[in-house]
Amino acid sequence: MKVFGPYQHRDRWRILIRQGHTQRARSFDSETEAKAEIRRLRAEAHKQAGMTVQRSIEAYAEQLRRNGLKERSITTATFRLTRFFHPVLPEPLAALSPKRAKDLFQSLSGLAVDTRLNMLALAKSFCRKAKEYDWTEVLLLSDVKGEGRRHCGKAKLTLDESRKYLATCLVQATSSDPMVRQAAVAACMPLVFGLRSGEVLNRQVKDIDDGGRILRITSAKSRAGIRSLQVPEWFRPYLIDLTKGLKPDDKVFPREKTWLHRHVVNICKLAGVSRVVPHGLRGTHGDLALVAAATPLQVSQALGHESLTTTFRHYASPQLAEANAHQAAVAQLAPTSPN
């Protein structure tokens, strides 16, 4: 059974009830009454259909898909929800009590803090939708709070380490092996441009614009992530070399995130620097930009953030920004030579 509405018809409110090949309409004096009946009918339908936790997660994933969420994100959400609710997947969602739901969260105590908090946030979102869709009569997990502090940011390179890392990349980028050259250039890009792994790997030939002077990021999680970045003069030949023989819609790096992660770690080993991951290089880019006197706003825009809060929480150091601002102010006091 499916229920649609309410629809206003003159001074009344109608709902449509479709069951199999038959359809009937019911009319109410107010929108409130119509919505109450819709909730009752949907709850009854879910109960009759045996809406298990597993089926609810699948229906939630379908809703995310209709909302336009990327398939990879839907897969991740489904995996985390399945992990969270694993012991009760075959049970009816409506039979799940608040205490049982809280116990499910407590059973994840062995996981890392960030993992637990991310899973809890997703589970709460799922439970809110379950209540909204009348899959359950109670709002589960509403009183459950996460414990522990998140680990913000990834390990970064120092300035000297960044130079060694980049020098090693460029040596590899001149290799006679095209696969080695491709990996080396890709491993440079989080550091040179502050790109996310997905932003590196999703670049198409046509995104390298104006003869290699501009790198365009054409899709992102937010509007702030869509941006055009200036390509340093010394880096242009390496990018252009990778596009030879490719079509405009071809990907420059047709690889997976694990491929980029593996080669970044390998470059760190070859360069003899601290082990970092691509996101750590993105944070390093933010710090190096601040050292080079870029403003916090410029760094935030280059990284594709909607707010400075995100930039400082995960990528660049606010203390570094303040120190550079202080040094710039003190520099104004430097004596000048007499005429």
C-alpha atoms as a PDB file:
ATOM      1  CA  MET A   1       0.000   0.000   0.000  1.00  0.00           C
ATOM      2  CA  LYS A   2       1.189   3.510  -0.895  1.00  0.00           C
ATOM      3  CA  VAL A   3      -0.286   6.751   0.377  1.00  0.00           C
ATOM      4  CA  PHE A   4       0.050  10.120  -1.388  1.00  0.00           C
ATOM      5  CA  GLY A   5      -0.885  13.615  -0.351  1.00  0.00           C
ATOM      6  CA  PRO A   6      -2.346  15.563   1.196  1.00  0.00           C
ATOM      7  CA  TYR A   7      -3.680  17.621  -1.717  1.00  0.00           C
ATOM      8  CA  GLN A   8      -5.925  20.624  -1.253  1.00  0.00           C
ATOM      9  CA  HIS A   9      -9.228  20.423  -3.139  1.00  0.00           C
ATOM     10  CA  ARG A  10     -11.340  23.518  -2.626  1.00  0.00           C
ATOM     11  CA  ASP A  11     -11.868  23.724   1.137  1.00  0.00           C
ATOM     12  CA  ARG A  12     -11.001  20.075   1.782  1.00  0.00           C
ATOM     13  CA  TRP A  13      -7.794  17.996   1.932  1.00  0.00           C
ATOM     14  CA  ARG A  14      -7.513  14.717   0.035  1.00  0.00           C
ATOM     15  CA  ILE A  15      -5.194  11.733   0.240  1.00  0.00           C
ATOM     16  CA  LEU A  16      -4.797   8.940  -2.306  1.00  0.00           C
ATOM     17  CA  ILE A  17      -4.439   5.315  -1.209  1.00  0.00           C
ATOM     18  CA  ARG A  18      -3.019   2.962  -3.825  1.00  0.00           C
ATOM     19  CA  GLN A  19      -3.080  -0.769  -3.198  1.00  0.00           C
ATOM     20  CA  GLY A  20      -2.104  -3.035  -6.063  1.00  0.00           C
ATOM     21  CA  HIS A  21      -4.015  -1.879  -9.149  1.00  0.00           C
ATOM     22  CA  THR A  22      -6.732  -0.116  -7.183  1.00  0.00           C
ATOM     23  CA  GLN A  23      -6.777   3.440  -5.943  1.00  0.00           C
ATOM     24  CA  ARG A  24      -9.152   5.286  -3.661  1.00  0.00           C
ATOM     25  CA  ALA A  25      -9.364   8.788  -2.245  1.00  0.00           C
ATOM     26  CA  ARG A  26     -10.305  10.084   1.176  1.00  0.00           C
ATOM     27  CA  SER A  27     -11.209  13.636   2.131  1.00  0.00           C
ATOM     28  CA  PHE A  28     -10.622  15.558   5.388  1.00  0.00           C
ATOM     29  CA  ASP A  29     -11.633  18.886   6.871  1.00  0.00           C
ATOM     30  CA  SER A  30      -8.044  19.986   7.583  1.00  0.00           C
ATOM     31  CA  GLU A  31      -4.490  19.329   6.474  1.00  0.00           C
ATOM     32  CA  THR A  32      -3.613  18.237  10.016  1.00  0.00           C
ATOM     33  CA  GLU A  33      -6.226  15.490   9.949  1.00  0.00           C
ATOM     34  CA  ALA A  34      -5.072  14.341   6.521  1.00  0.00           C
ATOM     35  CA  LYS A  35      -1.433  14.128   7.622  1.00  0.00           C
ATOM     36  CA  ALA A  36      -2.382  12.232  10.773  1.00  0.00           C
ATOM     37  CA  GLU A  37      -4.226   9.638   8.697  1.00  0.00           C
ATOM     38  CA  ILE A  38      -1.265   9.353   6.304  1.00  0.00           C
ATOM     39  CA  ARG A  39       1.036   8.608   9.246  1.00  0.00           C
ATOM     40  CA  ARG A  40      -1.361   6.017  10.596  1.00  0.00           C
ATOM     41  CA  LEU A  41      -1.754   4.283   7.235  1.00  0.00           C
ATOM     42  CA  ARG A  42       1.986   4.259   6.537  1.00  0.00           C
ATOM     43  CA  ALA A  43       2.765   2.892   9.994  1.00  0.00           C
ATOM     44  CA  GLU A  44       0.193   0.159   9.469  1.00  0.00           C
ATOM     45  CA  ALA A  45       1.625  -0.664   6.042  1.00  0.00           C
ATOM     46  CA  HIS A  46       5.160  -0.904   7.399  1.00  0.00           C
ATOM     47  CA  LYS A  47       3.995  -3.106  10.222  1.00  0.00           C
ATOM     48  CA  GLN A  48       2.182  -5.409   7.851  1.00  0.00           C
ATOM     49  CA  ALA A  49       5.170  -5.523   5.502  1.00  0.00           C
ATOM     50  CA  GLY A  50       7.494  -6.479   8.347  1.00  0.00           C
ATOM     51  CA  MET A  51       9.795  -3.425   8.021  1.00  0.00           C
ATOM     52  CA  THR A  52      13.007  -4.907   9.393  1.00  0.00           C
ATOM     53  CA  VAL A  53      16.062  -2.867  10.274  1.00  0.00           C
ATOM     54  CA  GLN A  54      17.794  -4.253   7.166  1.00  0.00           C
ATOM     55  CA  ARG A  55      14.904  -3.248   4.916  1.00  0.00           C
ATOM     56  CA  SER A  56      14.764   0.187   6.541  1.00  0.00           C
ATOM     57  CA  ILE A  57      18.446   0.779   5.786  1.00  0.00           C
ATOM     58  CA  GLU A  58      17.857  -0.226   2.166  1.00  0.00           C
ATOM     59  CA  ALA A  59      14.871   2.134   1.913  1.00  0.00           C
ATOM     60  CA  TYR A  60      16.960   4.918   3.476  1.00  0.00           C
ATOM     61  CA  ALA A  61      19.685   4.310   0.884  1.00  0.00           C
ATOM     62  CA  GLU A  62      17.092   4.583  -1.883  1.00  0.00           C
ATOM     63  CA  GLN A  63      15.972   7.915  -0.461  1.00  0.00           C
ATOM     64  CA  LEU A  64      19.575   9.164  -0.424  1.00  0.00           C
ATOM     65  CA  ARG A  65      19.858   8.083  -4.047  1.00  0.00           C
ATOM     66  CA  ARG A  66      16.734  10.033  -4.990  1.00  0.00           C
ATOM     67  CA  ASN A  67      18.206  13.044  -3.210  1.00  0.00           C
ATOM     68  CA  GLY A  68      21.195  12.912  -5.563  1.00  0.00           C
ATOM     69  CA  LEU A  69      23.870  11.632  -3.177  1.00  0.00           C
ATOM     70  CA  LYS A  70      26.850  10.051  -4.932  1.00  0.00           C
ATOM     71  CA  GLU A  71      26.780   6.269  -5.164  1.00  0.00           C
ATOM     72  CA  ARG A  72      30.087   5.912  -3.333  1.00  0.00           C
ATOM     73  CA  SER A  73      28.727   7.950  -0.398  1.00  0.00           C
ATOM     74  CA  ILE A  74      25.566   5.830  -0.353  1.00  0.00           C
ATOM     75  CA  THR A  75      27.665   2.657  -0.236  1.00  0.00           C
ATOM     76  CA  THR A  76      29.665   4.065   2.684  1.00  0.00           C
ATOM     77  CA  ALA A  77      26.515   5.090   4.554  1.00  0.00           C
ATOM     78  CA  THR A  78      24.939   1.668   4.028  1.00  0.00           C
ATOM     79  CA  PHE A  79      28.084  -0.101   5.244  1.00  0.00           C
ATOM     80  CA  ARG A  80      28.286   2.014   8.417  1.00  0.00           C
ATOM     81  CA  LEU A  81      24.598   1.640   9.236  1.00  0.00           C
ATOM     82  CA  THR A  82      24.801  -2.114   8.679  1.00  0.00           C
ATOM     83  CA  ARG A  83      27.811  -2.255  11.004  1.00  0.00           C
ATOM     84  CA  PHE A  84      26.024  -0.180  13.652  1.00  0.00           C
ATOM     85  CA  PHE A  85      22.765  -2.181  13.614  1.00  0.00           C
ATOM     86  CA  HIS A  86      24.288  -5.562  12.741  1.00  0.00           C
ATOM     87  CA  PRO A  87      22.918  -7.551  15.734  1.00  0.00           C
ATOM     88  CA  VAL A  88      19.323  -6.463  15.010  1.00  0.00           C
ATOM     89  CA  LEU A  89      19.214  -6.379  11.205  1.00  0.00           C
ATOM     90  CA  PRO A  90      16.549  -9.118  10.830  1.00  0.00           C
ATOM     91  CA  GLU A  91      14.341  -7.658  13.585  1.00  0.00           C
ATOM     92  CA  PRO A  92      11.405  -5.252  12.998  1.00  0.00           C
ATOM     93  CA  LEU A  93      12.580  -1.653  13.296  1.00  0.00           C
ATOM     94  CA  ALA A  94       9.375  -0.733  15.145  1.00  0.00           C
ATOM     95  CA  ALA A  95      10.289  -3.220  17.894  1.00  0.00           C
ATOM     96  CA  LEU A  96      13.691  -1.629  18.551  1.00  0.00           C
ATOM     97  CA  SER A  97      13.663   0.157  21.922  1.00  0.00           C
ATOM     98  CA  PRO A  98      15.694   3.276  22.817  1.00  0.00           C
ATOM     99  CA  LYS A  99      17.678   1.243  25.364  1.00  0.00           C
ATOM    100  CA  ARG A 100      18.547  -1.433  22.801  1.00  0.00           C
ATOM    101  CA  ALA A 101      19.639   1.229  20.321  1.00  0.00           C
ATOM    102  CA  LYS A 102      21.847   2.831  22.977  1.00  0.00           C
ATOM    103  CA  ASP A 103      23.364  -0.569  23.785  1.00  0.00           C
ATOM    104  CA  LEU A 104      24.256  -0.972  20.107  1.00  0.00           C
ATOM    105  CA  PHE A 105      26.309   2.208  20.274  1.00  0.00           C
ATOM    106  CA  GLN A 106      27.994   1.135  23.509  1.00  0.00           C
ATOM    107  CA  SER A 107      29.016  -2.135  21.847  1.00  0.00           C
ATOM    108  CA  LEU A 108      31.232  -0.133  19.469  1.00  0.00           C
ATOM    109  CA  SER A 109      33.513   1.011  22.300  1.00  0.00           C
ATOM    110  CA  GLY A 110      36.480  -0.789  20.771  1.00  0.00           C
ATOM    111  CA  LEU A 111      36.491   1.400  17.662  1.00  0.00           C
ATOM    112  CA  ALA A 112      38.439   4.642  17.214  1.00  0.00           C
ATOM    113  CA  VAL A 113      36.742   7.784  18.532  1.00  0.00           C
ATOM    114  CA  ASP A 114      36.332   9.352  15.084  1.00  0.00           C
ATOM    115  CA  THR A 115      34.828   6.146  13.694  1.00  0.00           C
ATOM    116  CA  ARG A 116      32.330   5.827  16.556  1.00  0.00           C
ATOM    117  CA  LEU A 117      31.252   9.470  16.343  1.00  0.00           C
ATOM    118  CA  ASN A 118      30.826   9.306  12.567  1.00  0.00           C
ATOM    119  CA  MET A 119      28.742   6.145  12.850  1.00  0.00           C
ATOM    120  CA  LEU A 120      26.613   7.672  15.615  1.00  0.00           C
ATOM    121  CA  ALA A 121      25.938  10.824  13.587  1.00  0.00           C
ATOM    122  CA  LEU A 122      24.859   8.741  10.597  1.00  0.00           C
ATOM    123  CA  ALA A 123      22.706   6.432  12.757  1.00  0.00           C
ATOM    124  CA  LYS A 124      20.978   9.447  14.316  1.00  0.00           C
ATOM    125  CA  SER A 125      20.218  10.848  10.879  1.00  0.00           C
ATOM    126  CA  PHE A 126      18.796   7.484   9.842  1.00  0.00           C
ATOM    127  CA  CYS A 127      16.635   7.308  12.989  1.00  0.00           C
ATOM    128  CA  ARG A 128      15.270  10.808  12.414  1.00  0.00           C
ATOM    129  CA  LYS A 129      14.187   9.802   8.915  1.00  0.00           C
ATOM    130  CA  ALA A 130      12.723   6.538  10.219  1.00  0.00           C
ATOM    131  CA  LYS A 131      10.554   8.529  12.618  1.00  0.00           C
ATOM    132  CA  GLU A 132       9.625  11.006   9.882  1.00  0.00           C
ATOM    133  CA  TYR A 133       8.573   8.183   7.553  1.00  0.00           C
ATOM    134  CA  ASP A 134       6.670   6.422  10.371  1.00  0.00           C
ATOM    135  CA  TRP A 135       8.862   3.341  10.207  1.00  0.00           C
ATOM    136  CA  THR A 136       9.031   3.604  13.990  1.00  0.00           C
ATOM    137  CA  GLU A 137       6.941   5.372  16.593  1.00  0.00           C
ATOM    138  CA  VAL A 138       9.857   6.571  18.745  1.00  0.00           C
ATOM    139  CA  LEU A 139      12.908   8.651  17.917  1.00  0.00           C
ATOM    140  CA  LEU A 140      15.848   6.354  18.599  1.00  0.00           C
ATOM    141  CA  LEU A 141      19.304   7.534  19.780  1.00  0.00           C
ATOM    142  CA  SER A 142      18.017  11.052  20.513  1.00  0.00           C
ATOM    143  CA  ASP A 143      19.559  11.044  24.017  1.00  0.00           C
ATOM    144  CA  VAL A 144      22.795   9.275  23.091  1.00  0.00           C
ATOM    145  CA  LYS A 145      25.920  11.422  23.097  1.00  0.00           C
ATOM    146  CA  GLY A 146      29.310  10.546  21.710  1.00  0.00           C
ATOM    147  CA  GLU A 147      32.328  10.240  23.977  1.00  0.00           C
ATOM    148  CA  GLY A 148      35.916  11.273  23.426  1.00  0.00           C
ATOM    149  CA  ARG A 149      37.595  13.958  21.357  1.00  0.00           C
ATOM    150  CA  ARG A 150      37.958  13.817  17.616  1.00  0.00           C
ATOM    151  CA  HIS A 151      41.407  13.713  16.106  1.00  0.00           C
ATOM    152  CA  CYS A 152      41.498  16.790  13.869  1.00  0.00           C
ATOM    153  CA  GLY A 153      43.903  16.894  10.974  1.00  0.00           C
ATOM    154  CA  LYS A 154      46.479  14.501   9.536  1.00  0.00           C
ATOM    155  CA  ALA A 155      50.243  14.373   9.982  1.00  0.00           C
ATOM    156  CA  LYS A 156      51.967  17.044   7.889  1.00  0.00           C
ATOM    157  CA  LEU A 157      55.406  17.687   6.452  1.00  0.00           C
ATOM    158  CA  THR A 158      57.701  20.478   7.580  1.00  0.00           C
ATOM    159  CA  LEU A 159      58.994  23.013   5.063  1.00  0.00           C
ATOM    160  CA  ASP A 160      62.312  21.188   4.650  1.00  0.00           C
ATOM    161  CA  GLU A 161      60.529  17.843   4.331  1.00  0.00           C
ATOM    162  CA  SER A 162      58.181  19.336   1.727  1.00  0.00           C
ATOM    163  CA  ARG A 163      61.151  20.377  -0.382  1.00  0.00           C
ATOM    164  CA  LYS A 164      62.662  16.879  -0.185  1.00  0.00           C
ATOM    165  CA  TYR A 165      59.302  15.293  -0.982  1.00  0.00           C
ATOM    166  CA  LEU A 166      58.720  17.543  -3.989  1.00  0.00           C
ATOM    167  CA  ALA A 167      62.277  17.062  -5.272  1.00  0.00           C
ATOM    168  CA  THR A 168      61.833  13.281  -5.121  1.00  0.00           C
ATOM    169  CA  CYS A 169      58.516  13.557  -6.985  1.00  0.00           C
ATOM    170  CA  LEU A 170      60.092  15.571  -9.773  1.00  0.00           C
ATOM    171  CA  VAL A 171      62.947  13.096 -10.167  1.00  0.00           C
ATOM    172  CA  GLN A 172      60.374  10.310 -10.507  1.00  0.00           C
ATOM    173  CA  ALA A 173      58.391  12.477 -12.957  1.00  0.00           C
ATOM    174  CA  THR A 174      61.292  12.301 -15.443  1.00  0.00           C
ATOM    175  CA  SER A 175      61.386   8.484 -15.431  1.00  0.00           C
ATOM    176  CA  SER A 176      61.269   6.613 -18.727  1.00  0.00           C
ATOM    177  CA  ASP A 177      58.388   4.543 -17.302  1.00  0.00           C
ATOM    178  CA  PRO A 178      55.070   6.337 -18.015  1.00  0.00           C
ATOM    179  CA  MET A 179      53.410   4.700 -14.991  1.00  0.00           C
ATOM    180  CA  VAL A 180      56.106   6.058 -12.684  1.00  0.00           C
ATOM    181  CA  ARG A 181      55.757   9.528 -14.211  1.00  0.00           C
ATOM    182  CA  GLN A 182      51.980   9.463 -13.761  1.00  0.00           C
ATOM    183  CA  ALA A 183      52.239   8.397 -10.119  1.00  0.00           C
ATOM    184  CA  ALA A 184      54.868  11.038  -9.341  1.00  0.00           C
ATOM    185  CA  VAL A 185      52.831  13.913 -10.793  1.00  0.00           C
ATOM    186  CA  ALA A 186      49.687  12.727  -8.990  1.00  0.00           C
ATOM    187  CA  ALA A 187      51.619  12.521  -5.705  1.00  0.00           C
ATOM    188  CA  CYS A 188      52.684  16.169  -6.157  1.00  0.00           C
ATOM    189  CA  MET A 189      49.205  17.589  -6.586  1.00  0.00           C
ATOM    190  CA  PRO A 190      47.856  17.488  -3.002  1.00  0.00           C
ATOM    191  CA  LEU A 191      50.970  19.417  -1.930  1.00  0.00           C
ATOM    192  CA  VAL A 192      51.186  21.841  -4.860  1.00  0.00           C
ATOM    193  CA  PHE A 193      47.456  22.653  -5.102  1.00  0.00           C
ATOM    194  CA  GLY A 194      45.977  21.496  -1.785  1.00  0.00           C
ATOM    195  CA  LEU A 195      43.655  19.068  -3.578  1.00  0.00           C
ATOM    196  CA  ARG A 196      41.623  16.263  -2.066  1.00  0.00           C
ATOM    197  CA  SER A 197      42.394  12.768  -3.349  1.00  0.00           C
ATOM    198  CA  GLY A 198      39.125  12.697  -5.311  1.00  0.00           C
ATOM    199  CA  GLU A 199      39.912  16.074  -6.864  1.00  0.00           C
ATOM    200  CA  VAL A 200      43.241  14.726  -8.131  1.00  0.00           C
ATOM    201  CA  LEU A 201      41.825  11.495  -9.515  1.00  0.00           C
ATOM    202  CA  ASN A 202      38.729  13.009 -11.150  1.00  0.00           C
ATOM    203  CA  ARG A 203      40.615  15.510 -13.260  1.00  0.00           C
ATOM    204  CA  GLN A 204      39.981  15.254 -16.982  1.00  0.00           C
ATOM    205  CA  VAL A 205      42.246  16.511 -19.745  1.00  0.00           C
ATOM    206  CA  LYS A 206      39.897  19.444 -20.427  1.00  0.00           C
ATOM    207  CA  ASP A 207      40.319  20.582 -16.805  1.00  0.00           C
ATOM    208  CA  ILE A 208      43.911  21.526 -17.595  1.00  0.00           C
ATOM    209  CA  ASP A 209      43.004  24.785 -19.281  1.00  0.00           C
ATOM    210  CA  ASP A 210      44.704  27.730 -20.981  1.00  0.00           C
ATOM    211  CA  GLY A 211      47.736  25.775 -22.114  1.00  0.00           C
ATOM    212  CA  GLY A 212      48.254  24.273 -18.691  1.00  0.00           C
ATOM    213  CA  ARG A 213      48.075  27.588 -16.815  1.00  0.00           C
ATOM    214  CA  ILE A 214      44.789  26.835 -15.063  1.00  0.00           C
ATOM    215  CA  LEU A 215      43.574  23.719 -13.279  1.00  0.00           C
ATOM    216  CA  ARG A 216      39.791  23.630 -12.980  1.00  0.00           C
ATOM    217  CA  ILE A 217      37.924  21.767 -10.249  1.00  0.00           C
ATOM    218  CA  THR A 218      34.467  21.329 -11.770  1.00  0.00           C
ATOM    219  CA  SER A 219      32.582  19.312  -9.145  1.00  0.00           C
ATOM    220  CA  ALA A 220      32.709  19.255  -5.363  1.00  0.00           C
ATOM    221  CA  LYS A 221      30.739  18.627  -2.167  1.00  0.00           C
ATOM    222  CA  SER A 222      29.889  22.346  -1.967  1.00  0.00           C
ATOM    223  CA  ARG A 223      29.898  25.360  -4.271  1.00  0.00           C
ATOM    224  CA  ALA A 224      33.066  26.618  -2.587  1.00  0.00           C
ATOM    225  CA  GLY A 225      34.868  23.520  -3.869  1.00  0.00           C
ATOM    226  CA  ILE A 226      34.302  24.480  -7.508  1.00  0.00           C
ATOM    227  CA  ARG A 227      37.292  26.637  -8.315  1.00  0.00           C
ATOM    228  CA  SER A 228      40.088  27.461 -10.768  1.00  0.00           C
ATOM    229  CA  LEU A 229      43.684  27.255  -9.572  1.00  0.00           C
ATOM    230  CA  GLN A 230      46.798  28.786 -11.073  1.00  0.00           C
ATOM    231  CA  VAL A 231      49.367  26.192 -12.144  1.00  0.00           C
ATOM    232  CA  PRO A 232      52.979  27.142 -11.267  1.00  0.00           C
ATOM    233  CA  GLU A 233      55.104  27.703 -14.358  1.00  0.00           C
ATOM    234  CA  TRP A 234      57.589  24.975 -13.384  1.00  0.00           C
ATOM    235  CA  PHE A 235      54.801  22.396 -12.940  1.00  0.00           C
ATOM    236  CA  ARG A 236      53.021  22.947 -16.276  1.00  0.00           C
ATOM    237  CA  PRO A 237      55.285  20.721 -18.428  1.00  0.00           C
ATOM    238  CA  TYR A 238      54.688  17.728 -16.150  1.00  0.00           C
ATOM    239  CA  LEU A 239      50.910  18.084 -16.430  1.00  0.00           C
ATOM    240  CA  ILE A 240      50.935  18.715 -20.166  1.00  0.00           C
ATOM    241  CA  ASP A 241      53.148  15.660 -20.743  1.00  0.00           C
ATOM    242  CA  LEU A 242      50.527  13.389 -19.145  1.00  0.00           C
ATOM    243  CA  THR A 243      47.768  14.623 -21.474  1.00  0.00           C
ATOM    244  CA  LYS A 244      49.529  13.714 -24.726  1.00  0.00           C
ATOM    245  CA  GLY A 245      47.442  11.352 -26.833  1.00  0.00           C
ATOM    246  CA  LEU A 246      44.379  11.637 -24.549  1.00  0.00           C
ATOM    247  CA  LYS A 247      40.918  12.928 -25.423  1.00  0.00           C
ATOM    248  CA  PRO A 248      39.391  15.950 -23.609  1.00  0.00           C
ATOM    249  CA  ASP A 249      37.033  13.763 -21.548  1.00  0.00           C
ATOM    250  CA  ASP A 250      39.722  11.228 -20.581  1.00  0.00           C
ATOM    251  CA  LYS A 251      40.863  11.168 -16.966  1.00  0.00           C
ATOM    252  CA  VAL A 252      44.466  12.198 -16.413  1.00  0.00           C
ATOM    253  CA  PHE A 253      44.781   9.728 -13.512  1.00  0.00           C
ATOM    254  CA  PRO A 254      42.307   6.842 -14.110  1.00  0.00           C
ATOM    255  CA  ARG A 255      43.055   5.256 -10.747  1.00  0.00           C
ATOM    256  CA  GLU A 256      41.569   4.598  -7.301  1.00  0.00           C
ATOM    257  CA  LYS A 257      42.259   6.446  -4.036  1.00  0.00           C
ATOM    258  CA  THR A 258      44.300   3.542  -2.712  1.00  0.00           C
ATOM    259  CA  TRP A 259      46.661   3.974  -5.677  1.00  0.00           C
ATOM    260  CA  LEU A 260      47.325   7.626  -4.797  1.00  0.00           C
ATOM    261  CA  HIS A 261      47.659   6.835  -1.094  1.00  0.00           C
ATOM    262  CA  ARG A 262      50.164   4.069  -1.820  1.00  0.00           C
ATOM    263  CA  HIS A 263      52.357   6.263  -4.024  1.00  0.00           C
ATOM    264  CA  VAL A 264      52.342   9.228  -1.622  1.00  0.00           C
ATOM    265  CA  VAL A 265      53.550   6.933   1.162  1.00  0.00           C
ATOM    266  CA  ASN A 266      56.186   5.475  -1.198  1.00  0.00           C
ATOM    267  CA  ILE A 267      57.489   8.942  -2.135  1.00  0.00           C
ATOM    268  CA  CYS A 268      57.794   9.785   1.569  1.00  0.00           C
ATOM    269  CA  LYS A 269      59.913   6.681   2.045  1.00  0.00           C
ATOM    270  CA  LEU A 270      62.132   7.469  -0.958  1.00  0.00           C
ATOM    271  CA  ALA A 271      62.567  11.076   0.201  1.00  0.00           C
ATOM    272  CA  GLY A 272      63.391  10.055   3.764  1.00  0.00           C
ATOM    273  CA  VAL A 273      60.658  12.225   5.292  1.00  0.00           C
ATOM    274  CA  SER A 274      57.820  11.625   7.731  1.00  0.00           C
ATOM    275  CA  ARG A 275      55.068   9.296   6.513  1.00  0.00           C
ATOM    276  CA  VAL A 276      51.999  11.262   5.462  1.00  0.00           C
ATOM    277  CA  VAL A 277      48.880  10.561   3.423  1.00  0.00           C
ATOM    278  CA  PRO A 278      47.397  12.720   0.624  1.00  0.00           C
ATOM    279  CA  HIS A 279      45.167  14.610   3.065  1.00  0.00           C
ATOM    280  CA  GLY A 280      48.244  15.387   5.168  1.00  0.00           C
ATOM    281  CA  LEU A 281      49.833  16.984   2.103  1.00  0.00           C
ATOM    282  CA  ARG A 282      46.662  19.052   1.688  1.00  0.00           C
ATOM    283  CA  GLY A 283      47.148  20.348   5.228  1.00  0.00           C
ATOM    284  CA  THR A 284      50.827  20.963   4.518  1.00  0.00           C
ATOM    285  CA  HIS A 285      49.793  23.085   1.529  1.00  0.00           C
ATOM    286  CA  GLY A 286      47.661  25.225   3.856  1.00  0.00           C
ATOM    287  CA  ASP A 287      50.511  25.779   6.323  1.00  0.00           C
ATOM    288  CA  LEU A 288      53.051  26.536   3.592  1.00  0.00           C
ATOM    289  CA  ALA A 289      50.686  29.051   2.012  1.00  0.00           C
ATOM    290  CA  LEU A 290      50.372  30.858   5.352  1.00  0.00           C
ATOM    291  CA  VAL A 291      54.168  30.869   5.741  1.00  0.00           C
ATOM    292  CA  ALA A 292      54.368  32.437   2.272  1.00  0.00           C
ATOM    293  CA  ALA A 293      52.125  35.286   3.547  1.00  0.00           C
ATOM    294  CA  ALA A 294      48.838  34.146   2.011  1.00  0.00           C
ATOM    295  CA  THR A 295      45.846  35.323   4.023  1.00  0.00           C
ATOM    296  CA  PRO A 296      43.674  32.770   5.844  1.00  0.00           C
ATOM    297  CA  LEU A 297      40.813  33.626   3.460  1.00  0.00           C
ATOM    298  CA  GLN A 298      43.004  32.942   0.416  1.00  0.00           C
ATOM    299  CA  VAL A 299      44.048  29.586   1.875  1.00  0.00           C
ATOM    300  CA  SER A 300      40.433  28.665   2.640  1.00  0.00           C
ATOM    301  CA  GLN A 301      39.361  29.521  -0.905  1.00  0.00           C
ATOM    302  CA  ALA A 302      42.246  27.560  -2.434  1.00  0.00           C
ATOM    303  CA  LEU A 303      41.294  24.508  -0.385  1.00  0.00           C
ATOM    304  CA  GLY A 304      37.654  24.863  -1.434  1.00  0.00           C
ATOM    305  CA  HIS A 305      36.220  25.448   2.038  1.00  0.00           C
ATOM    306  CA  GLU A 306      32.991  27.278   2.797  1.00  0.00           C
ATOM    307  CA  SER A 307      34.323  28.694   6.068  1.00  0.00           C
ATOM    308  CA  LEU A 308      37.587  29.523   7.811  1.00  0.00           C
ATOM    309  CA  THR A 309      36.476  27.300  10.701  1.00  0.00           C
ATOM    310  CA  THR A 310      36.912  24.181   8.569  1.00  0.00           C
ATOM    311  CA  THR A 311      40.297  25.377   7.325  1.00  0.00           C
ATOM    312  CA  PHE A 312      41.675  25.971  10.798  1.00  0.00           C
ATOM    313  CA  ARG A 313      40.085  22.907  12.401  1.00  0.00           C
ATOM    314  CA  HIS A 314      41.481  20.328  10.009  1.00  0.00           C
ATOM    315  CA  TYR A 315      44.140  21.805   7.727  1.00  0.00           C
ATOM    316  CA  ALA A 316      45.945  25.040   8.527  1.00  0.00           C
ATOM    317  CA  SER A 317      47.164  26.325  11.882  1.00  0.00           C
ATOM    318  CA  PRO A 318      45.441  29.461  13.260  1.00  0.00           C
ATOM    319  CA  GLN A 319      48.507  30.070  15.450  1.00  0.00           C
ATOM    320  CA  LEU A 320      50.639  30.170  12.306  1.00  0.00           C
ATOM    321  CA  ALA A 321      48.284  32.676  10.690  1.00  0.00           C
ATOM    322  CA  GLU A 322      48.392  34.886  13.797  1.00  0.00           C
ATOM    323  CA  ALA A 323      52.190  34.665  13.999  1.00  0.00           C
ATOM    324  CA  ASN A 324      52.565  35.676  10.353  1.00  0.00           C
ATOM    325  CA  ALA A 325      50.158  38.574  10.817  1.00  0.00           C
ATOM    326  CA  HIS A 326      52.181  39.702  13.848  1.00  0.00           C
ATOM    327  CA  GLN A 327      55.461  39.453  11.944  1.00  0.00           C
ATOM    328  CA  ALA A 328      53.990  41.448   9.066  1.00  0.00           C
ATOM    329  CA  ALA A 329      52.939  44.162  11.510  1.00  0.00           C
ATOM    330  CA  VAL A 330      56.366  44.255  13.137  1.00  0.00           C
ATOM    331  CA  ALA A 331      57.976  44.472   9.687  1.00  0.00           C
ATOM    332  CA  GLN A 332      56.233  47.814   9.216  1.00  0.00           C
ATOM    333  CA  LEU A 333      58.460  49.173  11.996  1.00  0.00           C
ATOM    334  CA  ALA A 334      61.690  48.350  10.188  1.00  0.00           C
ATOM    335  CA  PRO A 335      63.824  51.513   9.841  1.00  0.00           C
ATOM    336  CA  THR A 336      64.361  52.879   6.376  1.00  0.00           C
ATOM    337  CA  SER A 337      67.595  54.256   4.993  1.00  0.00           C
ATOM    338  CA  PRO A 338      67.836  58.065   5.202  1.00  0.00           C
ATOM    339  CA  ASN A 339      67.658  59.923   1.920  1.00  0.00           C
END
